[in-house]
N, C-alpha and C. Protein backbone atom coordinates (compact mmCIF):
# COMPACT_ATOMS: atom_id res chain seq x y z
N MET A 1 0.93 -1.12 0.04
CA MET A 1 0.22 -0.08 0.24
C MET A 1 0.67 1.47 0.33
N GLU A 2 0.43 2.05 -1.20
CA GLU A 2 1.24 3.49 -1.04
C GLU A 2 0.39 4.60 -1.01
N ILE A 3 0.66 5.71 -0.41
CA ILE A 3 0.15 6.91 -0.98
C ILE A 3 0.84 7.80 -1.35
N LYS A 4 0.27 8.58 -2.57
CA LYS A 4 0.67 9.33 -3.43
C LYS A 4 -0.05 10.60 -4.22
N ASN A 5 0.89 11.32 -4.49
CA ASN A 5 0.07 12.67 -5.29
C ASN A 5 -1.36 11.99 -6.34
N SER A 6 -1.85 12.24 -6.95
CA SER A 6 -2.67 11.96 -8.06
C SER A 6 -1.93 12.63 -9.09
N THR A 7 -2.15 12.04 -10.33
CA THR A 7 -1.44 12.59 -11.42
C THR A 7 -2.46 12.97 -12.79
N ALA A 8 -2.15 13.80 -13.73
CA ALA A 8 -3.21 14.01 -15.17
C ALA A 8 -3.71 12.31 -15.12
N ASN A 9 -2.95 11.67 -15.30
CA ASN A 9 -3.28 10.20 -15.69
C ASN A 9 -4.07 9.40 -15.18
N ASP A 10 -4.66 9.90 -13.81
CA ASP A 10 -5.55 9.28 -13.00
C ASP A 10 -7.07 10.21 -13.00
N ILE A 11 -6.75 10.86 -13.77
CA ILE A 11 -8.14 11.64 -13.69
C ILE A 11 -9.02 10.95 -14.42
N ASP A 12 -9.30 10.06 -15.24
CA ASP A 12 -10.22 9.36 -15.65
C ASP A 12 -11.18 8.38 -14.42
N GLU A 13 -9.83 7.71 -13.98
CA GLU A 13 -10.10 6.90 -12.67
C GLU A 13 -10.86 7.58 -11.69
N ILE A 14 -10.51 8.93 -11.03
CA ILE A 14 -10.70 9.68 -9.99
C ILE A 14 -12.20 10.16 -10.43
N PHE A 15 -12.64 10.21 -11.66
CA PHE A 15 -13.72 10.83 -12.13
C PHE A 15 -14.83 9.40 -11.81
N ARG A 16 -14.51 8.25 -12.31
CA ARG A 16 -15.03 6.83 -11.93
C ARG A 16 -15.70 6.65 -10.81
N LEU A 17 -14.60 6.86 -9.68
CA LEU A 17 -14.59 6.40 -8.68
C LEU A 17 -15.86 7.67 -7.70
N TYR A 18 -15.70 8.92 -8.30
CA TYR A 18 -16.42 9.88 -8.01
C TYR A 18 -17.90 9.05 -8.34
N SER A 19 -18.08 8.74 -9.70
CA SER A 19 -19.42 8.19 -10.03
C SER A 19 -19.90 7.12 -9.32
N LEU A 20 -18.95 6.26 -8.94
CA LEU A 20 -19.40 5.62 -8.42
C LEU A 20 -19.88 5.76 -6.98
N ALA A 21 -19.37 6.59 -6.41
CA ALA A 21 -19.83 7.14 -4.75
C ALA A 21 -20.84 7.59 -4.92
N SER A 22 -21.61 8.48 -5.72
CA SER A 22 -22.61 9.01 -6.23
C SER A 22 -23.60 7.93 -6.41
N GLU A 23 -23.40 6.52 -7.21
CA GLU A 23 -24.42 6.11 -7.31
C GLU A 23 -24.47 5.50 -5.88
N TYR A 24 -23.53 4.96 -4.90
CA TYR A 24 -23.65 4.52 -4.00
C TYR A 24 -24.68 5.21 -2.90
N GLN A 25 -24.23 6.32 -2.87
CA GLN A 25 -25.14 7.45 -1.99
C GLN A 25 -26.32 7.16 -2.21
N ASN A 26 -26.69 7.28 -3.88
CA ASN A 26 -28.22 7.40 -4.23
C ASN A 26 -28.39 6.42 -3.76
N SER A 27 -27.97 5.18 -3.37
CA SER A 27 -28.92 3.81 -2.96
C SER A 27 -28.96 3.73 -1.83
N LYS A 28 -28.68 5.13 -0.87
CA LYS A 28 -28.90 5.03 0.72
C LYS A 28 -30.18 5.93 0.78
N GLU A 29 -30.77 5.79 1.69
CA GLU A 29 -31.72 7.06 2.00
C GLU A 29 -31.67 7.88 2.54
N GLY A 30 -32.07 9.13 1.98
CA GLY A 30 -31.73 10.10 2.99
C GLY A 30 -30.29 10.80 3.17
N VAL A 31 -29.76 10.29 2.07
CA VAL A 31 -27.91 10.81 1.78
C VAL A 31 -27.96 11.76 1.08
N VAL A 32 -27.23 12.83 1.23
CA VAL A 32 -27.01 13.67 0.28
C VAL A 32 -25.60 13.55 -0.90
N VAL A 33 -26.35 13.41 -1.84
CA VAL A 33 -25.69 12.81 -3.44
C VAL A 33 -24.34 13.74 -3.52
N TRP A 34 -23.64 13.46 -4.07
CA TRP A 34 -22.64 14.08 -4.17
C TRP A 34 -23.12 14.59 -6.00
N PRO A 35 -22.80 15.77 -6.10
CA PRO A 35 -23.17 16.52 -8.21
C PRO A 35 -21.86 15.82 -8.76
N THR A 36 -21.81 15.94 -10.25
CA THR A 36 -21.12 16.00 -10.80
C THR A 36 -19.51 16.91 -10.93
N PHE A 37 -18.67 16.85 -10.32
CA PHE A 37 -17.45 17.60 -10.40
C PHE A 37 -16.86 18.19 -11.36
N LYS A 38 -16.60 19.59 -11.24
CA LYS A 38 -16.02 19.94 -12.43
C LYS A 38 -14.62 19.39 -13.11
N ARG A 39 -13.91 19.14 -13.84
CA ARG A 39 -12.97 18.70 -14.55
C ARG A 39 -11.70 19.47 -13.84
N GLN A 40 -11.94 20.79 -13.78
CA GLN A 40 -10.84 21.52 -13.59
C GLN A 40 -10.69 21.66 -12.35
N LEU A 41 -11.87 21.50 -11.11
CA LEU A 41 -11.32 21.70 -9.99
C LEU A 41 -10.27 20.30 -9.68
N VAL A 42 -10.50 19.06 -10.35
CA VAL A 42 -9.43 18.11 -9.97
C VAL A 42 -8.14 18.36 -10.70
N GLU A 43 -8.40 19.09 -11.99
CA GLU A 43 -6.75 19.58 -12.49
C GLU A 43 -6.03 20.13 -12.06
N THR A 44 -6.84 21.13 -11.07
CA THR A 44 -6.00 22.20 -10.30
C THR A 44 -5.47 21.38 -9.36
N GLU A 45 -6.37 20.88 -8.67
CA GLU A 45 -5.88 20.14 -7.14
C GLU A 45 -4.74 19.05 -7.76
N ILE A 46 -4.55 18.61 -8.74
CA ILE A 46 -3.38 17.59 -9.16
C ILE A 46 -2.72 18.52 -9.31
N ASP A 47 -2.60 19.63 -10.52
CA ASP A 47 -1.26 20.47 -10.44
C ASP A 47 -0.62 21.39 -9.02
N GLU A 48 -1.56 21.29 -7.96
CA GLU A 48 -1.05 21.87 -6.84
C GLU A 48 -0.61 20.98 -5.57
N ASN A 49 -0.74 19.81 -6.48
CA ASN A 49 -0.17 18.38 -5.45
C ASN A 49 -1.32 18.53 -4.25
N ARG A 50 -2.76 18.63 -4.28
CA ARG A 50 -3.70 18.34 -3.40
C ARG A 50 -4.80 16.97 -3.44
N GLN A 51 -4.64 16.73 -4.76
CA GLN A 51 -5.35 15.55 -4.92
C GLN A 51 -4.38 14.05 -4.52
N TRP A 52 -4.76 13.06 -3.96
CA TRP A 52 -4.16 12.44 -3.54
C TRP A 52 -4.82 10.65 -3.60
N LYS A 53 -3.72 9.76 -3.45
CA LYS A 53 -4.11 8.30 -4.25
C LYS A 53 -3.78 7.16 -2.94
N LEU A 54 -4.64 6.59 -2.81
CA LEU A 54 -4.00 5.34 -1.87
C LEU A 54 -3.77 4.13 -3.08
N VAL A 55 -2.58 3.46 -3.21
CA VAL A 55 -2.86 2.50 -4.20
C VAL A 55 -2.01 1.13 -3.47
N ILE A 56 -2.77 0.21 -4.45
CA ILE A 56 -2.50 -1.30 -3.67
C ILE A 56 -2.47 -2.01 -4.87
N ASP A 57 -1.42 -2.92 -5.12
CA ASP A 57 -0.89 -3.53 -6.39
C ASP A 57 -1.66 -3.09 -7.48
N ASN A 58 -0.75 -1.68 -7.54
CA ASN A 58 -1.06 -0.74 -8.63
C ASN A 58 -2.27 -0.46 -9.10
N GLN A 59 -3.25 -0.45 -8.24
CA GLN A 59 -4.38 0.05 -8.47
C GLN A 59 -5.11 0.80 -7.54
N ILE A 60 -5.78 1.87 -7.94
CA ILE A 60 -6.15 3.18 -7.10
C ILE A 60 -7.48 2.22 -6.16
N ALA A 61 -7.00 2.40 -4.95
CA ALA A 61 -8.39 2.04 -3.92
C ALA A 61 -8.82 3.01 -3.53
N CYS A 62 -8.59 3.98 -3.41
CA CYS A 62 -9.17 5.34 -2.63
C CYS A 62 -8.51 6.60 -3.53
N VAL A 63 -9.36 7.64 -3.37
CA VAL A 63 -8.78 9.17 -3.55
C VAL A 63 -9.55 10.03 -2.70
N TRP A 64 -8.37 11.08 -2.34
CA TRP A 64 -9.07 12.33 -1.85
C TRP A 64 -8.45 13.75 -2.13
N ALA A 65 -9.20 14.53 -1.94
CA ALA A 65 -8.01 15.78 -1.98
C ALA A 65 -8.33 16.44 -0.83
N ILE A 66 -7.12 17.71 -0.92
CA ILE A 66 -7.13 18.47 0.40
C ILE A 66 -7.25 19.99 0.11
N ALA A 67 -7.41 20.71 1.35
CA ALA A 67 -7.22 21.70 0.56
C ALA A 67 -6.41 22.70 2.17
N PHE A 68 -6.15 23.92 1.86
CA PHE A 68 -5.81 24.60 3.06
C PHE A 68 -6.37 25.81 3.45
N SER A 69 -7.42 25.95 2.82
CA SER A 69 -8.45 27.01 3.38
C SER A 69 -9.90 26.46 2.74
N ASP A 70 -10.81 26.97 3.66
CA ASP A 70 -12.10 26.32 3.01
C ASP A 70 -12.99 27.28 3.98
N GLU A 71 -12.65 28.71 3.72
CA GLU A 71 -13.45 29.85 4.42
C GLU A 71 -15.38 29.38 4.29
N GLN A 72 -15.67 29.27 2.97
CA GLN A 72 -17.03 29.29 3.28
C GLN A 72 -17.74 28.15 3.78
N ILE A 73 -17.08 26.88 4.22
CA ILE A 73 -17.76 25.93 4.90
C ILE A 73 -17.31 26.12 6.67
N TRP A 74 -15.94 26.68 6.48
CA TRP A 74 -15.61 26.64 7.97
C TRP A 74 -15.85 27.87 8.68
N GLU A 75 -15.86 29.11 8.00
CA GLU A 75 -16.34 30.47 8.30
C GLU A 75 -15.12 30.77 9.11
N GLU A 76 -15.35 31.52 10.41
CA GLU A 76 -14.40 32.40 11.15
C GLU A 76 -13.73 31.13 11.46
N ARG A 77 -13.74 29.73 11.87
CA ARG A 77 -12.53 28.68 12.09
C ARG A 77 -11.46 28.37 11.29
N ASN A 78 -12.04 29.14 9.82
CA ASN A 78 -10.69 28.92 8.59
C ASN A 78 -9.35 29.60 9.62
N ALA A 79 -9.59 30.52 10.09
CA ALA A 79 -8.71 31.27 10.24
C ALA A 79 -7.58 30.60 10.98
N ASP A 80 -8.10 29.46 11.63
CA ASP A 80 -6.75 28.38 12.34
C ASP A 80 -5.83 27.91 11.16
N ALA A 81 -5.24 27.18 11.26
CA ALA A 81 -3.80 26.50 10.56
C ALA A 81 -4.42 24.85 10.39
N ALA A 82 -4.87 24.52 9.31
CA ALA A 82 -5.75 23.35 9.36
C ALA A 82 -5.66 22.95 7.76
N ILE A 83 -5.81 21.78 7.62
CA ILE A 83 -5.87 20.93 6.58
C ILE A 83 -7.09 20.47 6.10
N TYR A 84 -8.01 20.70 5.17
CA TYR A 84 -9.07 20.20 5.02
C TYR A 84 -9.25 19.13 3.93
N ILE A 85 -10.10 18.01 4.33
CA ILE A 85 -10.02 16.74 3.74
C ILE A 85 -11.14 16.87 3.02
N HIS A 86 -11.42 16.51 1.40
CA HIS A 86 -12.64 16.56 0.74
C HIS A 86 -12.62 15.39 -0.13
N ARG A 87 -13.56 14.93 -0.50
CA ARG A 87 -14.30 13.58 -1.60
C ARG A 87 -13.54 12.68 -1.41
N ILE A 88 -13.27 12.06 -0.43
CA ILE A 88 -13.29 10.66 -0.57
C ILE A 88 -13.72 9.58 -0.74
N ALA A 89 -13.43 8.70 -1.63
CA ALA A 89 -13.95 8.00 -2.81
C ALA A 89 -13.54 6.93 -2.68
N THR A 90 -13.87 5.89 -2.58
CA THR A 90 -13.15 4.15 -2.73
C THR A 90 -13.57 3.26 -3.37
N ASN A 91 -12.72 2.94 -4.18
CA ASN A 91 -13.11 2.16 -5.49
C ASN A 91 -14.03 0.62 -4.51
N PRO A 92 -14.66 0.29 -5.24
CA PRO A 92 -15.78 -0.59 -4.70
C PRO A 92 -14.77 -1.91 -4.60
N ASP A 93 -13.95 -2.02 -5.34
CA ASP A 93 -13.07 -3.50 -4.94
C ASP A 93 -12.39 -3.21 -3.77
N PHE A 94 -12.25 -2.45 -3.03
CA PHE A 94 -11.71 -2.45 -1.76
C PHE A 94 -12.17 -1.98 -0.61
N ARG A 95 -13.95 -2.27 -0.80
CA ARG A 95 -14.38 -1.24 0.43
C ARG A 95 -14.26 -2.09 1.30
N GLY A 96 -14.67 -1.75 2.71
CA GLY A 96 -14.20 -2.68 3.78
C GLY A 96 -13.07 -2.69 4.65
N ASN A 97 -12.22 -1.97 4.03
CA ASN A 97 -10.74 -1.81 4.50
C ASN A 97 -10.56 -0.41 5.50
N ASN A 98 -11.31 0.24 5.90
CA ASN A 98 -11.16 1.02 6.80
C ASN A 98 -10.32 2.23 6.30
N PHE A 99 -10.26 2.50 5.06
CA PHE A 99 -9.16 3.57 4.44
C PHE A 99 -9.34 5.02 5.09
N VAL A 100 -10.65 5.15 5.84
CA VAL A 100 -10.24 6.59 6.48
C VAL A 100 -9.49 6.51 7.61
N ALA A 101 -9.29 5.37 8.05
CA ALA A 101 -8.25 5.56 9.58
C ALA A 101 -7.01 5.54 8.82
N ILE A 102 -6.32 5.02 7.70
CA ILE A 102 -5.39 5.44 7.16
C ILE A 102 -5.48 6.58 6.37
N ILE A 103 -6.40 7.27 5.77
CA ILE A 103 -6.12 8.71 5.76
C ILE A 103 -6.22 9.80 7.10
N VAL A 104 -6.36 9.18 7.65
CA VAL A 104 -6.64 10.01 9.15
C VAL A 104 -5.32 9.79 9.92
N GLY A 105 -4.38 8.91 9.61
CA GLY A 105 -2.81 8.79 9.74
C GLY A 105 -2.13 9.60 9.06
N TRP A 106 -2.12 9.26 7.98
CA TRP A 106 -1.48 10.37 7.06
C TRP A 106 -1.72 11.48 7.21
N ALA A 107 -3.07 12.25 7.25
CA ALA A 107 -3.37 13.34 7.20
C ALA A 107 -2.88 14.33 8.49
N LYS A 108 -2.69 13.28 9.51
CA LYS A 108 -2.01 13.88 10.89
C LYS A 108 -0.55 14.03 10.67
N GLU A 109 -0.27 13.57 10.15
CA GLU A 109 1.16 13.28 10.27
C GLU A 109 1.95 14.78 8.82
N TYR A 110 1.09 14.50 8.09
CA TYR A 110 0.97 15.54 6.70
C TYR A 110 0.95 16.74 7.55
N ALA A 111 -0.37 16.87 8.28
CA ALA A 111 -0.58 18.32 8.83
C ALA A 111 0.59 18.92 10.07
N ALA A 112 1.09 17.67 10.61
CA ALA A 112 1.96 18.39 11.56
C ALA A 112 3.55 18.64 10.83
N LYS A 113 3.71 18.02 10.20
CA LYS A 113 4.85 18.46 8.74
C LYS A 113 4.79 19.67 8.35
N LEU A 114 3.71 20.35 8.27
CA LEU A 114 3.08 21.62 7.67
C LEU A 114 2.91 22.64 9.02
N ASN A 115 3.20 22.15 10.42
CA ASN A 115 2.57 23.16 11.14
C ASN A 115 1.64 23.25 11.26
N LYS A 116 0.46 22.29 10.82
CA LYS A 116 -1.01 23.04 11.11
C LYS A 116 -1.41 22.20 12.39
N ASP A 117 -2.57 22.75 13.16
CA ASP A 117 -2.85 22.68 14.04
C ASP A 117 -4.64 21.42 14.13
N TYR A 118 -5.23 21.34 12.95
CA TYR A 118 -5.94 20.88 12.69
C TYR A 118 -6.24 20.01 11.47
N VAL A 119 -6.86 18.91 11.76
CA VAL A 119 -7.24 18.04 10.23
C VAL A 119 -8.66 17.93 9.97
N ARG A 120 -9.47 18.86 9.65
CA ARG A 120 -10.77 18.74 9.33
C ARG A 120 -11.45 18.02 8.19
N LEU A 121 -12.75 18.14 8.23
CA LEU A 121 -13.78 17.24 7.05
C LEU A 121 -14.87 17.84 7.26
N ASP A 122 -16.08 17.89 6.34
CA ASP A 122 -17.17 18.21 6.42
C ASP A 122 -17.87 16.95 5.86
N THR A 123 -19.19 16.75 6.21
CA THR A 123 -20.31 15.72 5.33
C THR A 123 -21.80 16.87 5.55
N LEU A 124 -22.84 16.32 4.74
CA LEU A 124 -23.76 17.07 4.79
C LEU A 124 -24.94 15.88 4.90
N GLY A 125 -25.61 16.90 5.72
CA GLY A 125 -27.28 16.13 5.90
C GLY A 125 -26.55 15.16 7.26
N ASN A 126 -27.91 15.01 7.85
CA ASN A 126 -28.10 13.90 9.04
C ASN A 126 -28.00 12.44 8.37
N ASN A 127 -26.62 12.10 8.36
CA ASN A 127 -26.39 10.79 7.90
C ASN A 127 -25.76 10.41 9.40
N GLU A 128 -26.38 9.68 10.01
CA GLU A 128 -25.81 9.20 11.55
C GLU A 128 -24.62 8.11 11.37
N LYS A 129 -24.98 7.40 10.55
CA LYS A 129 -24.13 6.35 10.34
C LYS A 129 -22.65 6.74 10.06
N LEU A 130 -22.06 7.90 9.26
CA LEU A 130 -21.34 8.62 8.73
C LEU A 130 -20.62 9.21 9.54
N ILE A 131 -21.51 10.13 10.53
CA ILE A 131 -21.27 11.13 11.62
C ILE A 131 -20.40 9.86 12.63
N LYS A 132 -21.09 8.70 12.93
CA LYS A 132 -20.57 7.46 14.07
C LYS A 132 -19.01 7.54 13.01
N TYR A 133 -19.39 7.06 12.05
CA TYR A 133 -17.86 6.20 11.44
C TYR A 133 -16.59 7.61 11.24
N TYR A 134 -17.17 8.51 11.36
CA TYR A 134 -15.95 9.63 11.67
C TYR A 134 -15.65 9.71 12.87
N VAL A 135 -16.28 9.76 13.84
CA VAL A 135 -15.85 10.03 14.90
C VAL A 135 -15.23 8.44 15.38
N ASN A 136 -15.71 7.60 15.01
CA ASN A 136 -14.72 6.60 15.52
C ASN A 136 -13.20 6.63 15.04
N ALA A 137 -13.07 7.12 13.74
CA ALA A 137 -12.00 7.50 13.39
C ALA A 137 -11.04 8.05 13.34
N GLY A 138 -11.68 9.09 14.77
CA GLY A 138 -10.91 9.72 15.41
C GLY A 138 -11.17 11.31 15.47
N PHE A 139 -12.06 11.66 14.73
CA PHE A 139 -12.62 12.99 14.53
C PHE A 139 -13.79 13.55 15.84
N GLU A 140 -13.35 14.72 15.95
CA GLU A 140 -14.56 15.33 17.21
C GLU A 140 -15.88 15.99 16.21
N PHE A 141 -17.13 15.43 16.42
CA PHE A 141 -17.75 15.97 15.86
C PHE A 141 -18.20 17.37 16.54
N LEU A 142 -18.28 18.46 15.80
CA LEU A 142 -18.43 19.97 15.88
C LEU A 142 -20.00 20.22 16.21
N GLY A 143 -20.61 19.48 15.44
CA GLY A 143 -22.18 19.89 15.15
C GLY A 143 -22.60 19.96 13.64
N MET A 144 -24.05 20.34 13.35
CA MET A 144 -24.54 20.59 11.82
C MET A 144 -24.34 22.08 12.10
N PHE A 145 -24.17 22.89 10.47
CA PHE A 145 -24.33 24.14 10.66
C PHE A 145 -25.05 24.48 9.17
N ASP A 146 -26.11 25.22 8.92
CA ASP A 146 -26.38 26.05 8.06
C ASP A 146 -25.52 26.87 7.57
N LEU A 147 -24.57 26.88 6.11
CA LEU A 147 -23.43 27.69 5.71
C LEU A 147 -24.24 28.86 5.20
N LYS A 148 -23.76 29.70 5.73
CA LYS A 148 -24.30 31.72 5.16
C LYS A 148 -24.15 32.02 3.70
N ASN A 149 -23.26 31.41 3.31
CA ASN A 149 -22.80 31.33 1.75
C ASN A 149 -22.20 30.26 0.88
N THR A 150 -23.23 29.81 -0.26
CA THR A 150 -22.87 28.57 -0.60
C THR A 150 -22.42 29.00 -2.26
N ASP A 151 -22.44 30.22 -2.45
CA ASP A 151 -22.07 30.45 -3.61
C ASP A 151 -20.95 30.36 -4.20
N GLY A 152 -20.60 29.31 -5.37
CA GLY A 152 -19.25 28.92 -6.06
C GLY A 152 -19.23 27.65 -5.47
N LEU A 153 -19.99 27.00 -4.26
CA LEU A 153 -19.58 25.66 -3.87
C LEU A 153 -20.34 24.47 -4.79
N PRO A 154 -20.09 23.23 -4.89
CA PRO A 154 -20.48 22.55 -5.46
C PRO A 154 -22.29 22.65 -5.02
N GLY A 155 -22.99 21.85 -5.73
CA GLY A 155 -24.41 22.03 -5.38
C GLY A 155 -24.73 21.27 -4.13
N HIS A 156 -24.43 20.41 -4.08
CA HIS A 156 -24.87 19.72 -2.91
C HIS A 156 -25.13 20.41 -1.48
N TYR A 157 -24.10 21.69 -1.61
CA TYR A 157 -23.74 22.38 -0.38
C TYR A 157 -24.98 23.25 -0.28
N LYS A 158 -25.91 23.36 -0.72
CA LYS A 158 -27.30 23.73 -0.55
C LYS A 158 -28.41 23.16 -0.37
N GLU A 159 -28.59 21.76 -0.27
CA GLU A 159 -29.08 20.80 0.14
C GLU A 159 -29.21 20.75 1.80
N ALA A 160 -28.22 20.60 2.51
CA ALA A 160 -28.26 20.54 4.01
C ALA A 160 -27.47 21.16 4.72
N PRO A 161 -27.70 20.87 6.01
CA PRO A 161 -26.47 21.41 6.99
C PRO A 161 -25.48 20.89 6.61
N ALA A 162 -24.06 21.29 6.54
CA ALA A 162 -23.03 20.81 6.78
C ALA A 162 -22.64 20.12 8.06
N ASN A 163 -21.90 19.17 8.20
CA ASN A 163 -21.73 18.70 9.78
C ASN A 163 -19.88 18.72 9.72
N LEU A 164 -19.50 19.50 10.48
CA LEU A 164 -17.67 19.77 10.77
C LEU A 164 -17.41 18.72 11.62
N PHE A 165 -16.37 18.55 11.23
CA PHE A 165 -15.25 17.44 11.65
C PHE A 165 -14.01 17.83 11.84
N GLU A 166 -13.47 17.87 13.21
CA GLU A 166 -12.30 17.91 13.36
C GLU A 166 -11.11 17.10 14.44
N ILE A 167 -10.17 16.67 13.91
CA ILE A 167 -8.95 16.58 14.95
C ILE A 167 -7.85 17.79 15.26
N ASN A 168 -8.02 17.85 16.55
CA ASN A 168 -6.89 19.23 17.05
C ASN A 168 -5.59 18.27 17.31
N LEU A 169 -5.07 18.64 16.67
CA LEU A 169 -3.38 17.80 16.87
C LEU A 169 -2.72 18.55 18.01
N ASN A 170 -3.09 19.50 18.40
CA ASN A 170 -2.04 19.76 19.98
C ASN A 170 -2.59 19.04 20.83
N LEU A 171 -4.13 18.43 20.95
CA LEU A 171 -4.62 17.59 21.69
C LEU A 171 -4.49 16.57 21.97
N ASP A 172 -4.09 15.96 20.43
CA ASP A 172 -3.77 14.55 20.11
C ASP A 172 -2.60 14.22 20.38
N GLN A 173 -1.61 15.33 20.48
CA GLN A 173 -0.28 15.18 20.82
C GLN A 173 -0.06 14.75 22.51
N LYS A 174 -0.90 15.16 22.85
CA LYS A 174 -0.98 15.02 24.82
C LYS A 174 -2.09 13.76 24.51
N GLY A 175 -2.34 13.31 24.03
CA GLY A 175 -3.42 12.02 24.05
C GLY A 175 -4.65 12.24 24.55
N THR A 176 -5.11 13.32 24.24
CA THR A 176 -6.45 13.29 25.10
C THR A 176 -7.41 13.54 23.40
N ASN A 177 -7.22 13.17 22.48
CA ASN A 177 -7.92 12.84 21.27
C ASN A 177 -7.75 11.62 20.64
N ASN A 178 -8.37 10.99 19.74
CA ASN A 178 -7.80 10.07 19.21
C ASN A 178 -6.74 10.23 18.07
């Protein structure tokens, strides 16, 4: 297993995984479904080394993106030194391997190297199973928030409140956070 930056050669596979993730979300009752993301978004993330992949046996098992700012979602908390994880999509052939725990471990190390204080992510809607999953992966659930400004965000952010999660690396180093 290896974690490395995605490349332009991975774009078709990334979008295949996004499509499969949307189909999976659509099969679940009451879950907010991802829209079709803009290709330029992923191309920019690749160019900026913010699109990542977990590779097993030369296959992309999981992808995700990171950001260093997420002002519309995190509002005043965006002033904190953080990395923000977005769009985790798992290849169905590799489901059940708890990649979120692997991504969390990687993200904590990556953020610490960059002198960040937090690892954060968000989801949408009242998906209690997913909320519990992220809490079990080490995130603190901060609650559900109505976003003040969704202009320019992918369309699904207009559909439901945002669930905000974070790992405070300063607390984590003291052993008081997972």
